[in-house]
Amino acid sequence: MPHDHSHTSPADDAPAHDAPSHTHGPRPLADASVRLARETDVPAVGLVQSAVWREAYAGVLPAQALEAFEPQAFAAGWRRSLAAPPAGIYRLLAACAGDQVVGFAAIGPSQDPDASPTTGELTALGVHPQARRVGHGSRLLNAAVDTLRGADAEYLSAWVLVTDETTRAFLTQAGLRPDGAFRDRVVSPDGDVAREVRLVAAITQPPA
């Protein structure tokens, strides 16, 4: 999975951009699903990720740096990952409205040096703006937790931009809590730095 700019990104309640031109508002809930992403999904995932990342970093990076978040670059990274996935429970999940991919989530083992071997990480999460507020973000998060739990993970962690209050609120409402850890990540070729905080939750028991 690509990690150059990975962080948990706006889900159902946060804005993003670049809806397909044929999308006309949210589809019925009965038409919604989450599944493992396929290679044919990566262009749509790249579009959603590019838009979500550009918005999430809009108050952090200069406009020139935001232009580097290109759909084709993200899609190429996902294509490589799907073709030769790393060892472990690395997965790319796609949220669909009918046949259209409208969101995605990426998970894998936590790479934090202080994490236990049973800690999984939500490395990315994004939902298209025209597919918001119908539960795609929650379904993606639930699928991520179920997948990690099925691989015997006991904890879920997620790094969130300090400035991304909406995503932090979404994950906090879902049960994740800050554990006091933070990091400053280099997020552009020019050395721009963004601070992130870590949220964690135990996932050994299904949610009530």
C-alpha atoms as a PDB file:
ATOM      1  CA  MET A   1       0.000   0.000   0.000  1.00  0.00           C
ATOM      2  CA  PRO A   2       1.301   3.481  -0.705  1.00  0.00           C
ATOM      3  CA  HIS A   3       2.349   5.339   2.430  1.00  0.00           C
ATOM      4  CA  ASP A   4       3.887   8.553   1.110  1.00  0.00           C
ATOM      5  CA  HIS A   5       0.956  10.671   2.267  1.00  0.00           C
ATOM      6  CA  SER A   6      -1.027   8.127   4.294  1.00  0.00           C
ATOM      7  CA  HIS A   7      -3.305   9.311   7.045  1.00  0.00           C
ATOM      8  CA  THR A   8      -6.900   8.756   7.849  1.00  0.00           C
ATOM      9  CA  SER A   9      -8.861  11.117   5.656  1.00  0.00           C
ATOM     10  CA  PRO A  10     -12.334  12.605   5.629  1.00  0.00           C
ATOM     11  CA  ALA A  11     -15.086  10.033   5.713  1.00  0.00           C
ATOM     12  CA  ASP A  12     -18.846  10.527   5.696  1.00  0.00           C
ATOM     13  CA  ASP A  13     -19.021  13.939   7.316  1.00  0.00           C
ATOM     14  CA  ALA A  14     -15.986  15.610   5.752  1.00  0.00           C
ATOM     15  CA  PRO A  15     -15.776  17.176   2.288  1.00  0.00           C
ATOM     16  CA  ALA A  16     -13.903  15.865  -0.740  1.00  0.00           C
ATOM     17  CA  HIS A  17     -14.111  16.477  -4.486  1.00  0.00           C
ATOM     18  CA  ASP A  18     -14.076  15.086  -8.042  1.00  0.00           C
ATOM     19  CA  ALA A  19     -17.392  13.208  -8.322  1.00  0.00           C
ATOM     20  CA  PRO A  20     -17.911  11.317 -11.572  1.00  0.00           C
ATOM     21  CA  SER A  21     -20.000  13.472 -13.868  1.00  0.00           C
ATOM     22  CA  HIS A  22     -22.760  10.866 -14.088  1.00  0.00           C
ATOM     23  CA  THR A  23     -23.343  10.773 -10.322  1.00  0.00           C
ATOM     24  CA  HIS A  24     -26.546  12.529  -9.288  1.00  0.00           C
ATOM     25  CA  GLY A  25     -26.681  12.460  -5.510  1.00  0.00           C
ATOM     26  CA  PRO A  26     -26.468   9.472  -3.157  1.00  0.00           C
ATOM     27  CA  ARG A  27     -27.799   6.146  -4.339  1.00  0.00           C
ATOM     28  CA  PRO A  28     -30.230   4.176  -2.170  1.00  0.00           C
ATOM     29  CA  LEU A  29     -28.693   2.468   0.848  1.00  0.00           C
ATOM     30  CA  ALA A  30     -29.722  -0.914  -0.525  1.00  0.00           C
ATOM     31  CA  ASP A  31     -27.303  -0.274  -3.390  1.00  0.00           C
ATOM     32  CA  ALA A  32     -24.324   0.269  -1.060  1.00  0.00           C
ATOM     33  CA  SER A  33     -21.582  -2.253  -0.372  1.00  0.00           C
ATOM     34  CA  VAL A  34     -17.961  -2.664   0.700  1.00  0.00           C
ATOM     35  CA  ARG A  35     -15.635  -5.203  -0.898  1.00  0.00           C
ATOM     36  CA  LEU A  36     -11.971  -5.871  -1.548  1.00  0.00           C
ATOM     37  CA  ALA A  37     -10.706  -3.517  -4.232  1.00  0.00           C
ATOM     38  CA  ARG A  38      -9.783  -4.894  -7.637  1.00  0.00           C
ATOM     39  CA  GLU A  39      -7.195  -3.649 -10.087  1.00  0.00           C
ATOM     40  CA  THR A  40      -9.958  -2.136 -12.208  1.00  0.00           C
ATOM     41  CA  ASP A  41     -10.967   0.004  -9.213  1.00  0.00           C
ATOM     42  CA  VAL A  42      -7.687   1.864  -8.859  1.00  0.00           C
ATOM     43  CA  PRO A  43      -8.495   4.784 -11.228  1.00  0.00           C
ATOM     44  CA  ALA A  44     -11.619   5.588  -9.186  1.00  0.00           C
ATOM     45  CA  VAL A  45      -9.729   5.160  -5.913  1.00  0.00           C
ATOM     46  CA  GLY A  46      -7.038   7.493  -7.237  1.00  0.00           C
ATOM     47  CA  LEU A  47      -9.613  10.168  -8.074  1.00  0.00           C
ATOM     48  CA  VAL A  48     -11.199  10.019  -4.641  1.00  0.00           C
ATOM     49  CA  GLN A  49      -7.867   9.962  -2.836  1.00  0.00           C
ATOM     50  CA  SER A  50      -6.450  12.870  -4.811  1.00  0.00           C
ATOM     51  CA  ALA A  51      -9.441  15.055  -4.023  1.00  0.00           C
ATOM     52  CA  VAL A  52      -9.601  14.085  -0.354  1.00  0.00           C
ATOM     53  CA  TRP A  53      -5.870  14.531   0.193  1.00  0.00           C
ATOM     54  CA  ARG A  54      -5.843  17.928  -1.542  1.00  0.00           C
ATOM     55  CA  GLU A  55      -8.585  19.164   0.723  1.00  0.00           C
ATOM     56  CA  ALA A  56      -7.170  17.651   3.894  1.00  0.00           C
ATOM     57  CA  TYR A  57      -3.786  19.289   3.283  1.00  0.00           C
ATOM     58  CA  ALA A  58      -5.147  22.583   1.914  1.00  0.00           C
ATOM     59  CA  GLY A  59      -4.394  24.407   5.154  1.00  0.00           C
ATOM     60  CA  VAL A  60      -1.039  22.675   5.571  1.00  0.00           C
ATOM     61  CA  LEU A  61       0.716  22.710   2.203  1.00  0.00           C
ATOM     62  CA  PRO A  62       1.160  25.432  -0.429  1.00  0.00           C
ATOM     63  CA  ALA A  63      -0.851  25.157  -3.632  1.00  0.00           C
ATOM     64  CA  GLN A  64       2.149  23.940  -5.620  1.00  0.00           C
ATOM     65  CA  ALA A  65       2.636  21.013  -3.258  1.00  0.00           C
ATOM     66  CA  LEU A  66      -1.062  20.113  -3.403  1.00  0.00           C
ATOM     67  CA  GLU A  67      -0.777  19.713  -7.165  1.00  0.00           C
ATOM     68  CA  ALA A  68       1.493  16.710  -6.568  1.00  0.00           C
ATOM     69  CA  PHE A  69      -1.508  14.764  -5.242  1.00  0.00           C
ATOM     70  CA  GLU A  70      -2.464  13.515  -8.700  1.00  0.00           C
ATOM     71  CA  PRO A  71      -5.072  10.793  -9.313  1.00  0.00           C
ATOM     72  CA  GLN A  72      -2.778   8.953 -11.709  1.00  0.00           C
ATOM     73  CA  ALA A  73       0.047   8.830  -9.171  1.00  0.00           C
ATOM     74  CA  PHE A  74      -2.182   7.440  -6.431  1.00  0.00           C
ATOM     75  CA  ALA A  75      -3.726   4.933  -8.835  1.00  0.00           C
ATOM     76  CA  ALA A  76      -0.296   3.748  -9.932  1.00  0.00           C
ATOM     77  CA  GLY A  77       0.701   3.159  -6.322  1.00  0.00           C
ATOM     78  CA  TRP A  78      -2.414   1.123  -5.597  1.00  0.00           C
ATOM     79  CA  ARG A  79      -1.962  -0.848  -8.807  1.00  0.00           C
ATOM     80  CA  ARG A  80       1.555  -1.849  -7.747  1.00  0.00           C
ATOM     81  CA  SER A  81       0.363  -2.792  -4.272  1.00  0.00           C
ATOM     82  CA  LEU A  82      -2.475  -4.951  -5.564  1.00  0.00           C
ATOM     83  CA  ALA A  83      -0.162  -6.670  -8.042  1.00  0.00           C
ATOM     84  CA  ALA A  84       2.448  -7.493  -5.388  1.00  0.00           C
ATOM     85  CA  PRO A  85       0.948  -7.021  -1.911  1.00  0.00           C
ATOM     86  CA  PRO A  86       3.320  -6.985   1.068  1.00  0.00           C
ATOM     87  CA  ALA A  87       3.234  -9.865   3.511  1.00  0.00           C
ATOM     88  CA  GLY A  88       0.643  -9.502   6.234  1.00  0.00           C
ATOM     89  CA  ILE A  89      -2.927  -8.263   6.416  1.00  0.00           C
ATOM     90  CA  TYR A  90      -2.589  -5.394   3.947  1.00  0.00           C
ATOM     91  CA  ARG A  91      -5.931  -4.739   2.266  1.00  0.00           C
ATOM     92  CA  LEU A  92      -7.537  -2.062   0.099  1.00  0.00           C
ATOM     93  CA  LEU A  93     -11.307  -1.893   0.575  1.00  0.00           C
ATOM     94  CA  ALA A  94     -13.697  -0.186  -1.822  1.00  0.00           C
ATOM     95  CA  ALA A  95     -17.052   1.353  -0.926  1.00  0.00           C
ATOM     96  CA  CYS A  96     -19.491   1.086  -3.805  1.00  0.00           C
ATOM     97  CA  ALA A  97     -22.791   2.680  -4.777  1.00  0.00           C
ATOM     98  CA  GLY A  98     -23.986   0.156  -7.308  1.00  0.00           C
ATOM     99  CA  ASP A  99     -20.967  -0.457  -9.535  1.00  0.00           C
ATOM    100  CA  GLN A 100     -19.377   2.931  -8.835  1.00  0.00           C
ATOM    101  CA  VAL A 101     -16.490   3.128  -6.354  1.00  0.00           C
ATOM    102  CA  VAL A 102     -17.223   6.093  -4.097  1.00  0.00           C
ATOM    103  CA  GLY A 103     -14.795   5.536  -1.229  1.00  0.00           C
ATOM    104  CA  PHE A 104     -11.894   3.463   0.008  1.00  0.00           C
ATOM    105  CA  ALA A 105     -10.038   2.363   3.105  1.00  0.00           C
ATOM    106  CA  ALA A 106      -6.573   0.871   3.478  1.00  0.00           C
ATOM    107  CA  ILE A 107      -5.396  -1.249   6.382  1.00  0.00           C
ATOM    108  CA  GLY A 108      -2.236  -3.042   7.388  1.00  0.00           C
ATOM    109  CA  PRO A 109      -0.114  -4.005  10.389  1.00  0.00           C
ATOM    110  CA  SER A 110       0.926  -0.987  12.433  1.00  0.00           C
ATOM    111  CA  GLN A 111       4.451   0.170  11.612  1.00  0.00           C
ATOM    112  CA  ASP A 112       4.803   2.157  14.837  1.00  0.00           C
ATOM    113  CA  PRO A 113       7.857   1.048  16.841  1.00  0.00           C
ATOM    114  CA  ASP A 114       5.863   1.005  20.080  1.00  0.00           C
ATOM    115  CA  ALA A 115       2.924  -0.982  18.655  1.00  0.00           C
ATOM    116  CA  SER A 116       2.188  -4.525  19.696  1.00  0.00           C
ATOM    117  CA  PRO A 117       2.235  -7.257  17.024  1.00  0.00           C
ATOM    118  CA  THR A 118      -1.565  -7.419  17.345  1.00  0.00           C
ATOM    119  CA  THR A 119      -2.127  -3.778  16.349  1.00  0.00           C
ATOM    120  CA  GLY A 120      -3.571  -3.059  12.925  1.00  0.00           C
ATOM    121  CA  GLU A 121      -3.580   0.376  11.328  1.00  0.00           C
ATOM    122  CA  LEU A 122      -6.133   2.260   9.289  1.00  0.00           C
ATOM    123  CA  THR A 123      -3.730   3.969   6.909  1.00  0.00           C
ATOM    124  CA  ALA A 124      -6.247   5.750   4.697  1.00  0.00           C
ATOM    125  CA  LEU A 125      -9.973   6.473   4.549  1.00  0.00           C
ATOM    126  CA  GLY A 126     -11.921   8.593   2.083  1.00  0.00           C
ATOM    127  CA  VAL A 127     -15.469   8.920   0.778  1.00  0.00           C
ATOM    128  CA  HIS A 128     -16.626  10.898  -2.246  1.00  0.00           C
ATOM    129  CA  PRO A 129     -18.550  14.093  -1.388  1.00  0.00           C
ATOM    130  CA  GLN A 130     -21.602  13.164  -3.453  1.00  0.00           C
ATOM    131  CA  ALA A 131     -21.758   9.843  -1.611  1.00  0.00           C
ATOM    132  CA  ARG A 132     -21.571  11.333   1.870  1.00  0.00           C
ATOM    133  CA  ARG A 133     -24.027  10.985   4.743  1.00  0.00           C
ATOM    134  CA  VAL A 134     -25.411   7.618   3.673  1.00  0.00           C
ATOM    135  CA  GLY A 135     -23.040   5.491   5.754  1.00  0.00           C
ATOM    136  CA  HIS A 136     -20.179   4.629   3.384  1.00  0.00           C
ATOM    137  CA  GLY A 137     -17.532   5.824   5.848  1.00  0.00           C
ATOM    138  CA  SER A 138     -19.024   3.781   8.679  1.00  0.00           C
ATOM    139  CA  ARG A 139     -19.292   0.700   6.482  1.00  0.00           C
ATOM    140  CA  LEU A 140     -15.662   1.060   5.433  1.00  0.00           C
ATOM    141  CA  LEU A 141     -14.527   1.423   9.034  1.00  0.00           C
ATOM    142  CA  ASN A 142     -16.590  -1.571  10.138  1.00  0.00           C
ATOM    143  CA  ALA A 143     -15.192  -3.681   7.291  1.00  0.00           C
ATOM    144  CA  ALA A 144     -11.656  -2.635   8.207  1.00  0.00           C
ATOM    145  CA  VAL A 145     -12.203  -3.641  11.829  1.00  0.00           C
ATOM    146  CA  ASP A 146     -13.810  -6.953  10.851  1.00  0.00           C
ATOM    147  CA  THR A 147     -10.917  -7.760   8.498  1.00  0.00           C
ATOM    148  CA  LEU A 148      -8.283  -6.957  11.104  1.00  0.00           C
ATOM    149  CA  ARG A 149     -10.170  -8.831  13.816  1.00  0.00           C
ATOM    150  CA  GLY A 150     -10.330 -11.842  11.500  1.00  0.00           C
ATOM    151  CA  ALA A 151      -6.518 -11.681  11.314  1.00  0.00           C
ATOM    152  CA  ASP A 152      -6.328 -11.774  15.137  1.00  0.00           C
ATOM    153  CA  ALA A 153      -5.641  -8.069  15.591  1.00  0.00           C
ATOM    154  CA  GLU A 154      -6.592  -6.760  19.022  1.00  0.00           C
ATOM    155  CA  TYR A 155      -6.137  -3.026  18.498  1.00  0.00           C
ATOM    156  CA  LEU A 156      -6.750  -0.501  15.738  1.00  0.00           C
ATOM    157  CA  SER A 157      -4.675   2.649  15.355  1.00  0.00           C
ATOM    158  CA  ALA A 158      -5.028   5.615  13.022  1.00  0.00           C
ATOM    159  CA  TRP A 159      -2.933   8.732  12.476  1.00  0.00           C
ATOM    160  CA  VAL A 160      -4.923  11.909  11.831  1.00  0.00           C
ATOM    161  CA  LEU A 161      -3.822  15.413  10.888  1.00  0.00           C
ATOM    162  CA  VAL A 162      -4.073  17.810  13.820  1.00  0.00           C
ATOM    163  CA  THR A 163      -5.946  20.205  11.538  1.00  0.00           C
ATOM    164  CA  ASP A 164      -8.453  17.564  10.395  1.00  0.00           C
ATOM    165  CA  GLU A 165     -11.026  18.013  13.137  1.00  0.00           C
ATOM    166  CA  THR A 166     -13.842  16.383  11.162  1.00  0.00           C
ATOM    167  CA  THR A 167     -12.045  13.090  10.629  1.00  0.00           C
ATOM    168  CA  ARG A 168     -10.919  13.023  14.241  1.00  0.00           C
ATOM    169  CA  ALA A 169     -14.508  13.556  15.359  1.00  0.00           C
ATOM    170  CA  PHE A 170     -15.728  10.777  13.052  1.00  0.00           C
ATOM    171  CA  LEU A 171     -13.206   8.279  14.418  1.00  0.00           C
ATOM    172  CA  THR A 172     -13.730   9.377  18.008  1.00  0.00           C
ATOM    173  CA  GLN A 173     -17.462   8.844  17.630  1.00  0.00           C
ATOM    174  CA  ALA A 174     -16.640   5.355  16.359  1.00  0.00           C
ATOM    175  CA  GLY A 175     -14.703   4.613  19.562  1.00  0.00           C
ATOM    176  CA  LEU A 176     -11.086   5.536  18.841  1.00  0.00           C
ATOM    177  CA  ARG A 177      -9.310   7.725  21.380  1.00  0.00           C
ATOM    178  CA  PRO A 178      -6.036   9.706  21.368  1.00  0.00           C
ATOM    179  CA  ASP A 179      -3.261   7.945  23.249  1.00  0.00           C
ATOM    180  CA  GLY A 180      -0.958  10.954  23.531  1.00  0.00           C
ATOM    181  CA  ALA A 181       1.327  10.040  20.637  1.00  0.00           C
ATOM    182  CA  PHE A 182       2.051  12.511  17.846  1.00  0.00           C
ATOM    183  CA  ARG A 183       4.451  12.761  14.945  1.00  0.00           C
ATOM    184  CA  ASP A 184       5.663  15.337  12.444  1.00  0.00           C
ATOM    185  CA  ARG A 185       5.701  13.914   8.914  1.00  0.00           C
ATOM    186  CA  VAL A 186       7.455  15.281   5.868  1.00  0.00           C
ATOM    187  CA  VAL A 187       4.609  15.476   3.350  1.00  0.00           C
ATOM    188  CA  SER A 188       6.126  17.148   0.308  1.00  0.00           C
ATOM    189  CA  PRO A 189       9.347  17.051  -1.730  1.00  0.00           C
ATOM    190  CA  ASP A 190      10.152  20.517  -0.393  1.00  0.00           C
ATOM    191  CA  GLY A 191      10.206  19.267   3.181  1.00  0.00           C
ATOM    192  CA  ASP A 192       6.836  20.608   4.346  1.00  0.00           C
ATOM    193  CA  VAL A 193       5.870  19.052   7.680  1.00  0.00           C
ATOM    194  CA  ALA A 194       2.428  18.142   9.023  1.00  0.00           C
ATOM    195  CA  ARG A 195       1.678  17.084  12.587  1.00  0.00           C
ATOM    196  CA  GLU A 196      -0.511  14.048  13.213  1.00  0.00           C
ATOM    197  CA  VAL A 197      -1.993  12.561  16.376  1.00  0.00           C
ATOM    198  CA  ARG A 198      -2.643   8.870  16.959  1.00  0.00           C
ATOM    199  CA  LEU A 199      -6.041   7.423  17.830  1.00  0.00           C
ATOM    200  CA  VAL A 200      -6.444   3.860  19.095  1.00  0.00           C
ATOM    201  CA  ALA A 201      -9.202   1.433  20.040  1.00  0.00           C
ATOM    202  CA  ALA A 202      -9.458  -2.143  21.251  1.00  0.00           C
ATOM    203  CA  ILE A 203     -11.219  -4.311  18.659  1.00  0.00           C
ATOM    204  CA  THR A 204     -11.263  -7.670  20.405  1.00  0.00           C
ATOM    205  CA  GLN A 205     -15.018  -7.467  20.942  1.00  0.00           C
ATOM    206  CA  PRO A 206     -17.615  -6.574  18.306  1.00  0.00           C
ATOM    207  CA  PRO A 207     -19.251  -3.177  18.882  1.00  0.00           C
ATOM    208  CA  ALA A 208     -22.472  -3.235  20.875  1.00  0.00           C
END
